[in-house]
Amino acid sequence: MSETGNKSKINHVLIVDDDDNIRLITQMSLEGLTTWKVQEARSGKEALTCLAGELPDVILLDVMMPDMTGMDVFGQAKTLLGDNLPRVIFMTAKVQASEIEKYRALGAAGVIMKPFDPMKLPEQIEEAFSHFS
């Protein structure tokens, strides 16, 4: 990731999830507990459209979506943005060690298990963000 600009602090998060309830809980958690700008995308295609505009610092990316998987979105975003790709944190119920290794091997900053604790979510995001190199 490029270190141009202030990339040591989170200011803007893009939530990508096809589940309305997950997006709502995530948005409420982040807006209630942080000062971060929160943007939402309901699909992989919508997420890629969002990335054509102002780039977030972090993308919270659901793995299982109907139109494109999170892995597909990650790959296309990486091709599209190269070194400017924001830090990606996968959100998934698939948290077996082999799955987590697969996400990390792709270059993900972290993995957050669903269901997650809304009160701890900002801390989990910050931890993944700060430990990613």
C-alpha atoms as a PDB file:
ATOM      1  CA  MET A   1       0.000   0.000   0.000  1.00  0.00           C
ATOM      2  CA  SER A   2       1.232   3.444  -0.812  1.00  0.00           C
ATOM      3  CA  GLU A   3       2.198   5.524   2.188  1.00  0.00           C
ATOM      4  CA  THR A   4       1.253   8.776   0.529  1.00  0.00           C
ATOM      5  CA  GLY A   5      -1.140  10.838   2.572  1.00  0.00           C
ATOM      6  CA  ASN A   6      -2.168   9.940   6.110  1.00  0.00           C
ATOM      7  CA  LYS A   7      -2.476   6.163   5.968  1.00  0.00           C
ATOM      8  CA  SER A   8      -1.691   5.629   9.650  1.00  0.00           C
ATOM      9  CA  LYS A   9      -5.176   6.726  10.683  1.00  0.00           C
ATOM     10  CA  ILE A  10      -8.644   5.585   9.688  1.00  0.00           C
ATOM     11  CA  ASN A  11     -10.977   8.296   8.434  1.00  0.00           C
ATOM     12  CA  HIS A  12     -13.180   6.513   5.897  1.00  0.00           C
ATOM     13  CA  VAL A  13     -14.570   2.953   5.840  1.00  0.00           C
ATOM     14  CA  LEU A  14     -16.430   1.215   3.019  1.00  0.00           C
ATOM     15  CA  ILE A  15     -18.772  -1.579   4.142  1.00  0.00           C
ATOM     16  CA  VAL A  16     -19.484  -4.148   1.423  1.00  0.00           C
ATOM     17  CA  ASP A  17     -22.205  -6.644   2.344  1.00  0.00           C
ATOM     18  CA  ASP A  18     -25.360  -7.872   0.637  1.00  0.00           C
ATOM     19  CA  ASP A  19     -27.157  -8.271   3.994  1.00  0.00           C
ATOM     20  CA  ASP A  20     -29.072  -5.100   4.913  1.00  0.00           C
ATOM     21  CA  ASN A  21     -28.992  -5.941   8.628  1.00  0.00           C
ATOM     22  CA  ILE A  22     -25.229  -6.479   8.698  1.00  0.00           C
ATOM     23  CA  ARG A  23     -24.649  -3.173   6.904  1.00  0.00           C
ATOM     24  CA  LEU A  24     -26.998  -1.372   9.310  1.00  0.00           C
ATOM     25  CA  ILE A  25     -25.408  -2.838  12.455  1.00  0.00           C
ATOM     26  CA  THR A  26     -21.919  -2.149  11.126  1.00  0.00           C
ATOM     27  CA  GLN A  27     -22.805   1.415  10.166  1.00  0.00           C
ATOM     28  CA  MET A  28     -24.470   2.114  13.527  1.00  0.00           C
ATOM     29  CA  SER A  29     -21.477   0.678  15.379  1.00  0.00           C
ATOM     30  CA  LEU A  30     -18.891   2.685  13.453  1.00  0.00           C
ATOM     31  CA  GLU A  31     -20.858   5.949  13.380  1.00  0.00           C
ATOM     32  CA  GLY A  32     -21.770   5.622  17.067  1.00  0.00           C
ATOM     33  CA  LEU A  33     -18.305   4.743  18.337  1.00  0.00           C
ATOM     34  CA  THR A  34     -15.976   6.574  15.939  1.00  0.00           C
ATOM     35  CA  THR A  35     -15.725   9.736  13.866  1.00  0.00           C
ATOM     36  CA  TRP A  36     -15.118   7.741  10.679  1.00  0.00           C
ATOM     37  CA  LYS A  37     -16.979   8.449   7.471  1.00  0.00           C
ATOM     38  CA  VAL A  38     -18.963   5.307   6.662  1.00  0.00           C
ATOM     39  CA  GLN A  39     -19.937   4.389   3.115  1.00  0.00           C
ATOM     40  CA  GLU A  40     -21.963   1.342   2.086  1.00  0.00           C
ATOM     41  CA  ALA A  41     -22.128  -0.950  -0.922  1.00  0.00           C
ATOM     42  CA  ARG A  42     -24.740  -3.700  -1.291  1.00  0.00           C
ATOM     43  CA  SER A  43     -22.779  -5.744  -3.828  1.00  0.00           C
ATOM     44  CA  GLY A  44     -19.362  -6.320  -5.281  1.00  0.00           C
ATOM     45  CA  LYS A  45     -20.250  -4.350  -8.387  1.00  0.00           C
ATOM     46  CA  GLU A  46     -21.424  -1.420  -6.279  1.00  0.00           C
ATOM     47  CA  ALA A  47     -18.196  -1.597  -4.259  1.00  0.00           C
ATOM     48  CA  LEU A  48     -16.060  -1.369  -7.398  1.00  0.00           C
ATOM     49  CA  THR A  49     -18.087   1.666  -8.496  1.00  0.00           C
ATOM     50  CA  CYS A  50     -17.455   3.281  -5.094  1.00  0.00           C
ATOM     51  CA  LEU A  51     -13.720   2.672  -5.497  1.00  0.00           C
ATOM     52  CA  ALA A  52     -13.734   4.735  -8.692  1.00  0.00           C
ATOM     53  CA  GLY A  53     -14.403   7.784  -6.487  1.00  0.00           C
ATOM     54  CA  GLU A  54     -12.925   8.777  -3.136  1.00  0.00           C
ATOM     55  CA  LEU A  55     -10.928   5.871  -1.752  1.00  0.00           C
ATOM     56  CA  PRO A  56     -11.641   4.669   1.779  1.00  0.00           C
ATOM     57  CA  ASP A  57      -8.856   3.800   4.198  1.00  0.00           C
ATOM     58  CA  VAL A  58     -10.446   0.423   4.935  1.00  0.00           C
ATOM     59  CA  ILE A  59     -12.811  -1.885   3.064  1.00  0.00           C
ATOM     60  CA  LEU A  60     -14.881  -4.255   5.216  1.00  0.00           C
ATOM     61  CA  LEU A  61     -15.628  -6.964   2.685  1.00  0.00           C
ATOM     62  CA  ASP A  62     -18.160  -9.767   3.035  1.00  0.00           C
ATOM     63  CA  VAL A  63     -16.871 -13.026   1.584  1.00  0.00           C
ATOM     64  CA  MET A  64     -20.191 -14.605   0.522  1.00  0.00           C
ATOM     65  CA  MET A  65     -22.216 -12.376  -1.812  1.00  0.00           C
ATOM     66  CA  PRO A  66     -24.469 -13.378  -4.706  1.00  0.00           C
ATOM     67  CA  ASP A  67     -23.110 -11.347  -7.647  1.00  0.00           C
ATOM     68  CA  MET A  68     -19.404 -11.474  -6.854  1.00  0.00           C
ATOM     69  CA  THR A  69     -17.640 -13.086  -3.935  1.00  0.00           C
ATOM     70  CA  GLY A  70     -15.464 -10.977  -1.677  1.00  0.00           C
ATOM     71  CA  MET A  71     -12.457 -12.735  -3.189  1.00  0.00           C
ATOM     72  CA  ASP A  72     -13.585 -11.637  -6.680  1.00  0.00           C
ATOM     73  CA  VAL A  73     -14.064  -8.051  -5.499  1.00  0.00           C
ATOM     74  CA  PHE A  74     -10.654  -8.073  -3.817  1.00  0.00           C
ATOM     75  CA  GLY A  75      -8.968  -9.339  -6.986  1.00  0.00           C
ATOM     76  CA  GLN A  76     -10.657  -6.813  -9.262  1.00  0.00           C
ATOM     77  CA  ALA A  77     -10.007  -3.940  -6.829  1.00  0.00           C
ATOM     78  CA  LYS A  78      -6.348  -4.947  -6.626  1.00  0.00           C
ATOM     79  CA  THR A  79      -6.094  -4.959 -10.433  1.00  0.00           C
ATOM     80  CA  LEU A  80      -7.919  -1.633 -10.661  1.00  0.00           C
ATOM     81  CA  LEU A  81      -6.045   0.209  -7.895  1.00  0.00           C
ATOM     82  CA  GLY A  82      -2.677  -1.535  -7.598  1.00  0.00           C
ATOM     83  CA  ASP A  83      -0.608   0.005  -4.811  1.00  0.00           C
ATOM     84  CA  ASN A  84      -3.466   2.394  -3.969  1.00  0.00           C
ATOM     85  CA  LEU A  85      -5.715  -0.448  -2.819  1.00  0.00           C
ATOM     86  CA  PRO A  86      -7.101   0.381   0.628  1.00  0.00           C
ATOM     87  CA  ARG A  87      -6.599  -2.110   3.422  1.00  0.00           C
ATOM     88  CA  VAL A  88      -9.143  -4.909   3.098  1.00  0.00           C
ATOM     89  CA  ILE A  89     -10.624  -6.727   6.083  1.00  0.00           C
ATOM     90  CA  PHE A  90     -12.773  -9.725   5.251  1.00  0.00           C
ATOM     91  CA  MET A  91     -15.913 -10.274   7.323  1.00  0.00           C
ATOM     92  CA  THR A  92     -17.050 -13.880   7.291  1.00  0.00           C
ATOM     93  CA  ALA A  93     -18.401 -16.826   9.222  1.00  0.00           C
ATOM     94  CA  LYS A  94     -15.738 -18.969   7.492  1.00  0.00           C
ATOM     95  CA  VAL A  95     -12.910 -18.572   9.979  1.00  0.00           C
ATOM     96  CA  GLN A  96     -11.146 -21.901   9.859  1.00  0.00           C
ATOM     97  CA  ALA A  97      -7.374 -21.562   9.917  1.00  0.00           C
ATOM     98  CA  SER A  98      -7.095 -22.564   6.248  1.00  0.00           C
ATOM     99  CA  GLU A  99      -9.628 -19.898   5.246  1.00  0.00           C
ATOM    100  CA  ILE A 100      -7.874 -17.178   7.253  1.00  0.00           C
ATOM    101  CA  GLU A 101      -4.520 -18.160   5.696  1.00  0.00           C
ATOM    102  CA  LYS A 102      -6.081 -17.913   2.233  1.00  0.00           C
ATOM    103  CA  TYR A 103      -7.331 -14.358   2.930  1.00  0.00           C
ATOM    104  CA  ARG A 104      -3.987 -13.288   4.373  1.00  0.00           C
ATOM    105  CA  ALA A 105      -2.105 -14.802   1.430  1.00  0.00           C
ATOM    106  CA  LEU A 106      -4.171 -12.586  -0.867  1.00  0.00           C
ATOM    107  CA  GLY A 107      -3.014  -9.545   1.088  1.00  0.00           C
ATOM    108  CA  ALA A 108      -5.962  -8.941   3.416  1.00  0.00           C
ATOM    109  CA  ALA A 109      -5.212  -6.819   6.476  1.00  0.00           C
ATOM    110  CA  GLY A 110      -7.383  -9.030   8.634  1.00  0.00           C
ATOM    111  CA  VAL A 111     -10.449 -11.174   9.129  1.00  0.00           C
ATOM    112  CA  ILE A 112     -13.387 -10.397  11.410  1.00  0.00           C
ATOM    113  CA  MET A 113     -15.661 -13.267  12.332  1.00  0.00           C
ATOM    114  CA  LYS A 114     -19.426 -13.013  11.871  1.00  0.00           C
ATOM    115  CA  PRO A 115     -21.381 -12.625  13.989  1.00  0.00           C
ATOM    116  CA  PHE A 116     -19.298  -9.815  15.447  1.00  0.00           C
ATOM    117  CA  ASP A 117     -19.694  -7.709  18.589  1.00  0.00           C
ATOM    118  CA  PRO A 118     -20.729  -4.197  17.435  1.00  0.00           C
ATOM    119  CA  MET A 119     -19.128  -2.662  20.533  1.00  0.00           C
ATOM    120  CA  LYS A 120     -15.743  -4.237  19.706  1.00  0.00           C
ATOM    121  CA  LEU A 121     -15.873  -3.779  15.922  1.00  0.00           C
ATOM    122  CA  PRO A 122     -13.991  -0.445  15.728  1.00  0.00           C
ATOM    123  CA  GLU A 123     -11.220  -1.879  17.911  1.00  0.00           C
ATOM    124  CA  GLN A 124     -10.959  -4.977  15.696  1.00  0.00           C
ATOM    125  CA  ILE A 125     -10.738  -2.794  12.591  1.00  0.00           C
ATOM    126  CA  GLU A 126      -8.075  -0.561  14.144  1.00  0.00           C
ATOM    127  CA  GLU A 127      -6.047  -3.587  15.225  1.00  0.00           C
ATOM    128  CA  ALA A 128      -6.084  -5.128  11.735  1.00  0.00           C
ATOM    129  CA  PHE A 129      -5.365  -1.724  10.172  1.00  0.00           C
ATOM    130  CA  SER A 130      -2.375  -0.988  12.421  1.00  0.00           C
ATOM    131  CA  HIS A 131      -0.809  -4.464  12.161  1.00  0.00           C
ATOM    132  CA  PHE A 132      -0.976  -4.646   8.381  1.00  0.00           C
ATOM    133  CA  SER A 133       2.342  -3.899   6.745  1.00  0.00           C
END
